[in-house]
Amino acid sequence: MTAPEITDVHPAEELVTPGGVPVPIDVELVPVIRALWALDLRTLMCCQDIGEAMASGGIRAMAEPGRWSAFLSRHAWLKMPVDAGQALLARLDGTAEFSPRLSPKVAGGWHSAVWLSPAGLAGHANIYFPRAQVPELAATLTAMAVLGR
């Protein structure tokens, strides 16, 4: 199986990863990604509205894109190595703002998934959360980075 082709559909700003590679980052997620990197949390991909990207053809080679785009409409997406994703959720679990949101069982809750295949678990986690929470997440993570937490 080949990886889906992903095309930028949102305005992007080029950032240089901690490893020195220039990458386009959706502008709304730039402060989140900068803060994650400042916290030494590695990212693999992101999108400020993954449902919108799917609906507009930004992700190809996907079964039932209409179903998934509707499900993920108005949700941001972070793709991170599993350990980094788990570390992010552990940091946020200690905050009054995000601790209650780290479950898909609550209104405005987050959803995360690590894909399972016959070969085992994927090495990355997909984390989805309401796009409206992006500014608050950026502020929370930036404060953590400044405080060195």
C-alpha atoms as a PDB file:
ATOM      1  CA  MET A   1       0.000   0.000   0.000  1.00  0.00           C
ATOM      2  CA  THR A   2       1.312   3.416  -0.903  1.00  0.00           C
ATOM      3  CA  ALA A   3       1.026   6.448   1.325  1.00  0.00           C
ATOM      4  CA  PRO A   4      -1.661   8.961   0.328  1.00  0.00           C
ATOM      5  CA  GLU A   5      -0.541  11.969  -1.652  1.00  0.00           C
ATOM      6  CA  ILE A   6      -1.124  15.172   0.287  1.00  0.00           C
ATOM      7  CA  THR A   7      -1.403  18.587  -1.340  1.00  0.00           C
ATOM      8  CA  ASP A   8      -1.407  21.918   0.493  1.00  0.00           C
ATOM      9  CA  VAL A   9      -4.895  23.422   0.504  1.00  0.00           C
ATOM     10  CA  HIS A  10      -4.418  25.983   3.280  1.00  0.00           C
ATOM     11  CA  PRO A  11      -2.091  28.985   3.338  1.00  0.00           C
ATOM     12  CA  ALA A  12       1.274  27.826   4.617  1.00  0.00           C
ATOM     13  CA  GLU A  13       4.438  29.282   6.058  1.00  0.00           C
ATOM     14  CA  GLU A  14       7.787  27.595   5.565  1.00  0.00           C
ATOM     15  CA  LEU A  15       9.489  26.578   8.799  1.00  0.00           C
ATOM     16  CA  VAL A  16      12.767  24.756   9.247  1.00  0.00           C
ATOM     17  CA  THR A  17      12.451  21.584  11.310  1.00  0.00           C
ATOM     18  CA  PRO A  18      14.819  20.942  14.216  1.00  0.00           C
ATOM     19  CA  GLY A  19      16.585  18.579  11.801  1.00  0.00           C
ATOM     20  CA  GLY A  20      17.169  21.418   9.328  1.00  0.00           C
ATOM     21  CA  VAL A  21      14.560  20.528   6.686  1.00  0.00           C
ATOM     22  CA  PRO A  22      12.318  23.304   5.302  1.00  0.00           C
ATOM     23  CA  VAL A  23       8.618  22.308   5.416  1.00  0.00           C
ATOM     24  CA  PRO A  24       5.330  24.084   4.728  1.00  0.00           C
ATOM     25  CA  ILE A  25       3.114  24.414   7.834  1.00  0.00           C
ATOM     26  CA  ASP A  26      -0.499  25.614   7.713  1.00  0.00           C
ATOM     27  CA  VAL A  27      -0.416  29.170   9.050  1.00  0.00           C
ATOM     28  CA  GLU A  28      -2.895  28.557  11.870  1.00  0.00           C
ATOM     29  CA  LEU A  29      -0.695  25.736  13.191  1.00  0.00           C
ATOM     30  CA  VAL A  30       2.643  27.565  12.983  1.00  0.00           C
ATOM     31  CA  PRO A  31       2.594  28.626  16.679  1.00  0.00           C
ATOM     32  CA  VAL A  32       1.561  25.104  17.754  1.00  0.00           C
ATOM     33  CA  ILE A  33       4.339  23.460  15.733  1.00  0.00           C
ATOM     34  CA  ARG A  34       6.958  25.957  16.945  1.00  0.00           C
ATOM     35  CA  ALA A  35       5.944  25.278  20.552  1.00  0.00           C
ATOM     36  CA  LEU A  36       5.951  21.498  20.049  1.00  0.00           C
ATOM     37  CA  TRP A  37       9.462  21.690  18.612  1.00  0.00           C
ATOM     38  CA  ALA A  38      10.561  23.940  21.490  1.00  0.00           C
ATOM     39  CA  LEU A  39       9.316  21.204  23.827  1.00  0.00           C
ATOM     40  CA  ASP A  40      11.392  18.647  21.879  1.00  0.00           C
ATOM     41  CA  LEU A  41       8.226  16.958  20.587  1.00  0.00           C
ATOM     42  CA  ARG A  42       8.691  15.727  17.043  1.00  0.00           C
ATOM     43  CA  THR A  43       5.979  16.152  14.411  1.00  0.00           C
ATOM     44  CA  LEU A  44       5.544  14.355  11.105  1.00  0.00           C
ATOM     45  CA  MET A  45       2.620  16.167   9.449  1.00  0.00           C
ATOM     46  CA  CYS A  46      -0.198  18.538  10.340  1.00  0.00           C
ATOM     47  CA  CYS A  47      -3.251  20.277   8.943  1.00  0.00           C
ATOM     48  CA  GLN A  48      -5.329  23.130  10.353  1.00  0.00           C
ATOM     49  CA  ASP A  49      -8.574  21.585   9.005  1.00  0.00           C
ATOM     50  CA  ILE A  50      -8.124  17.997   7.853  1.00  0.00           C
ATOM     51  CA  GLY A  51     -11.804  17.591   6.943  1.00  0.00           C
ATOM     52  CA  GLU A  52     -11.621  20.603   4.653  1.00  0.00           C
ATOM     53  CA  ALA A  53      -8.400  19.268   3.110  1.00  0.00           C
ATOM     54  CA  MET A  54     -10.026  15.905   2.416  1.00  0.00           C
ATOM     55  CA  ALA A  55     -13.152  17.510   0.941  1.00  0.00           C
ATOM     56  CA  SER A  56     -11.115  19.692  -1.418  1.00  0.00           C
ATOM     57  CA  GLY A  57      -8.925  16.850  -2.670  1.00  0.00           C
ATOM     58  CA  GLY A  58      -5.868  17.663  -0.563  1.00  0.00           C
ATOM     59  CA  ILE A  59      -5.532  13.996   0.354  1.00  0.00           C
ATOM     60  CA  ARG A  60      -5.753  11.442  -2.423  1.00  0.00           C
ATOM     61  CA  ALA A  61      -5.816   7.648  -2.505  1.00  0.00           C
ATOM     62  CA  MET A  62      -8.237   7.468   0.385  1.00  0.00           C
ATOM     63  CA  ALA A  63     -11.303   5.269   0.529  1.00  0.00           C
ATOM     64  CA  GLU A  64     -14.541   7.180   1.123  1.00  0.00           C
ATOM     65  CA  PRO A  65     -13.082  10.706   1.320  1.00  0.00           C
ATOM     66  CA  GLY A  66     -16.584  12.207   1.675  1.00  0.00           C
ATOM     67  CA  ARG A  67     -17.338  10.184   4.802  1.00  0.00           C
ATOM     68  CA  TRP A  68     -14.000  11.039   6.412  1.00  0.00           C
ATOM     69  CA  SER A  69     -14.099  14.709   5.459  1.00  0.00           C
ATOM     70  CA  ALA A  70     -17.537  15.049   7.063  1.00  0.00           C
ATOM     71  CA  PHE A  71     -16.376  13.245  10.205  1.00  0.00           C
ATOM     72  CA  LEU A  72     -13.239  15.392  10.541  1.00  0.00           C
ATOM     73  CA  SER A  73     -14.713  18.692   9.386  1.00  0.00           C
ATOM     74  CA  ARG A  74     -13.402  21.636  11.431  1.00  0.00           C
ATOM     75  CA  HIS A  75     -10.745  19.460  13.095  1.00  0.00           C
ATOM     76  CA  ALA A  76      -7.008  20.097  13.138  1.00  0.00           C
ATOM     77  CA  TRP A  77      -4.644  17.130  12.740  1.00  0.00           C
ATOM     78  CA  LEU A  78      -1.226  16.352  14.147  1.00  0.00           C
ATOM     79  CA  LYS A  79       0.712  13.296  13.000  1.00  0.00           C
ATOM     80  CA  MET A  80       3.470  12.529  15.488  1.00  0.00           C
ATOM     81  CA  PRO A  81       5.668   9.598  16.449  1.00  0.00           C
ATOM     82  CA  VAL A  82       3.741   7.584  19.046  1.00  0.00           C
ATOM     83  CA  ASP A  83       6.074   8.531  21.905  1.00  0.00           C
ATOM     84  CA  ALA A  84       5.841  12.242  21.047  1.00  0.00           C
ATOM     85  CA  GLY A  85       2.049  12.089  20.756  1.00  0.00           C
ATOM     86  CA  GLN A  86       1.805  10.333  24.093  1.00  0.00           C
ATOM     87  CA  ALA A  87       4.137  12.899  25.669  1.00  0.00           C
ATOM     88  CA  LEU A  88       1.978  15.735  24.280  1.00  0.00           C
ATOM     89  CA  LEU A  89      -1.190  14.240  25.756  1.00  0.00           C
ATOM     90  CA  ALA A  90       0.563  13.627  29.093  1.00  0.00           C
ATOM     91  CA  ARG A  91       1.636  17.292  29.247  1.00  0.00           C
ATOM     92  CA  LEU A  92      -1.861  18.504  28.375  1.00  0.00           C
ATOM     93  CA  ASP A  93      -3.438  16.116  30.874  1.00  0.00           C
ATOM     94  CA  GLY A  94      -1.937  18.240  33.628  1.00  0.00           C
ATOM     95  CA  THR A  95      -3.734  21.395  32.486  1.00  0.00           C
ATOM     96  CA  ALA A  96      -7.148  22.651  33.543  1.00  0.00           C
ATOM     97  CA  GLU A  97      -7.900  23.695  29.954  1.00  0.00           C
ATOM     98  CA  PHE A  98      -7.106  20.505  28.086  1.00  0.00           C
ATOM     99  CA  SER A  99      -7.292  17.646  30.589  1.00  0.00           C
ATOM    100  CA  PRO A 100     -11.089  17.353  30.247  1.00  0.00           C
ATOM    101  CA  ARG A 101     -10.857  17.488  26.425  1.00  0.00           C
ATOM    102  CA  LEU A 102      -8.485  14.559  25.902  1.00  0.00           C
ATOM    103  CA  SER A 103     -11.329  12.116  25.311  1.00  0.00           C
ATOM    104  CA  PRO A 104     -13.629  11.777  22.307  1.00  0.00           C
ATOM    105  CA  LYS A 105     -16.460  11.134  24.780  1.00  0.00           C
ATOM    106  CA  VAL A 106     -16.871  14.816  25.687  1.00  0.00           C
ATOM    107  CA  ALA A 107     -18.089  17.763  23.634  1.00  0.00           C
ATOM    108  CA  GLY A 108     -15.065  19.353  21.991  1.00  0.00           C
ATOM    109  CA  GLY A 109     -13.032  16.267  22.867  1.00  0.00           C
ATOM    110  CA  TRP A 110      -9.934  15.025  21.134  1.00  0.00           C
ATOM    111  CA  HIS A 111      -9.584  11.787  19.184  1.00  0.00           C
ATOM    112  CA  SER A 112      -6.326   9.958  18.687  1.00  0.00           C
ATOM    113  CA  ALA A 113      -5.474   6.774  16.845  1.00  0.00           C
ATOM    114  CA  VAL A 114      -2.508   4.530  16.241  1.00  0.00           C
ATOM    115  CA  TRP A 115      -3.218   2.319  13.254  1.00  0.00           C
ATOM    116  CA  LEU A 116      -3.093  -1.423  13.700  1.00  0.00           C
ATOM    117  CA  SER A 117      -2.140  -3.744  10.839  1.00  0.00           C
ATOM    118  CA  PRO A 118      -1.237  -7.426  10.590  1.00  0.00           C
ATOM    119  CA  ALA A 119       2.391  -6.295  10.977  1.00  0.00           C
ATOM    120  CA  GLY A 120       1.666  -4.475  14.256  1.00  0.00           C
ATOM    121  CA  LEU A 121       1.112  -0.924  15.402  1.00  0.00           C
ATOM    122  CA  ALA A 122       2.099   2.000  13.206  1.00  0.00           C
ATOM    123  CA  GLY A 123       4.974   4.112  14.456  1.00  0.00           C
ATOM    124  CA  HIS A 124       2.879   7.263  14.380  1.00  0.00           C
ATOM    125  CA  ALA A 125      -0.211   8.601  16.091  1.00  0.00           C
ATOM    126  CA  ASN A 126      -2.929  10.707  14.494  1.00  0.00           C
ATOM    127  CA  ILE A 127      -4.356  13.318  16.858  1.00  0.00           C
ATOM    128  CA  TYR A 128      -7.519  15.203  15.893  1.00  0.00           C
ATOM    129  CA  PHE A 129      -8.976  18.128  17.841  1.00  0.00           C
ATOM    130  CA  PRO A 130     -11.399  20.979  17.117  1.00  0.00           C
ATOM    131  CA  ARG A 131      -9.815  23.657  14.962  1.00  0.00           C
ATOM    132  CA  ALA A 132     -11.327  26.302  17.262  1.00  0.00           C
ATOM    133  CA  GLN A 133      -8.945  25.121  20.009  1.00  0.00           C
ATOM    134  CA  VAL A 134      -5.789  25.875  17.978  1.00  0.00           C
ATOM    135  CA  PRO A 135      -5.140  29.373  19.463  1.00  0.00           C
ATOM    136  CA  GLU A 136      -5.627  28.123  23.027  1.00  0.00           C
ATOM    137  CA  LEU A 137      -3.406  25.099  22.369  1.00  0.00           C
ATOM    138  CA  ALA A 138      -0.700  27.350  20.924  1.00  0.00           C
ATOM    139  CA  ALA A 139      -0.827  29.600  23.993  1.00  0.00           C
ATOM    140  CA  THR A 140      -0.729  26.648  26.408  1.00  0.00           C
ATOM    141  CA  LEU A 141       2.189  24.947  24.654  1.00  0.00           C
ATOM    142  CA  THR A 142       4.107  28.205  24.236  1.00  0.00           C
ATOM    143  CA  ALA A 143       3.763  28.906  27.971  1.00  0.00           C
ATOM    144  CA  MET A 144       5.026  25.383  28.715  1.00  0.00           C
ATOM    145  CA  ALA A 145       8.026  25.921  26.431  1.00  0.00           C
ATOM    146  CA  VAL A 146       8.843  29.285  28.036  1.00  0.00           C
ATOM    147  CA  LEU A 147       8.582  27.775  31.524  1.00  0.00           C
ATOM    148  CA  GLY A 148      10.611  24.733  30.446  1.00  0.00           C
ATOM    149  CA  ARG A 149       7.899  22.239  31.439  1.00  0.00           C
END
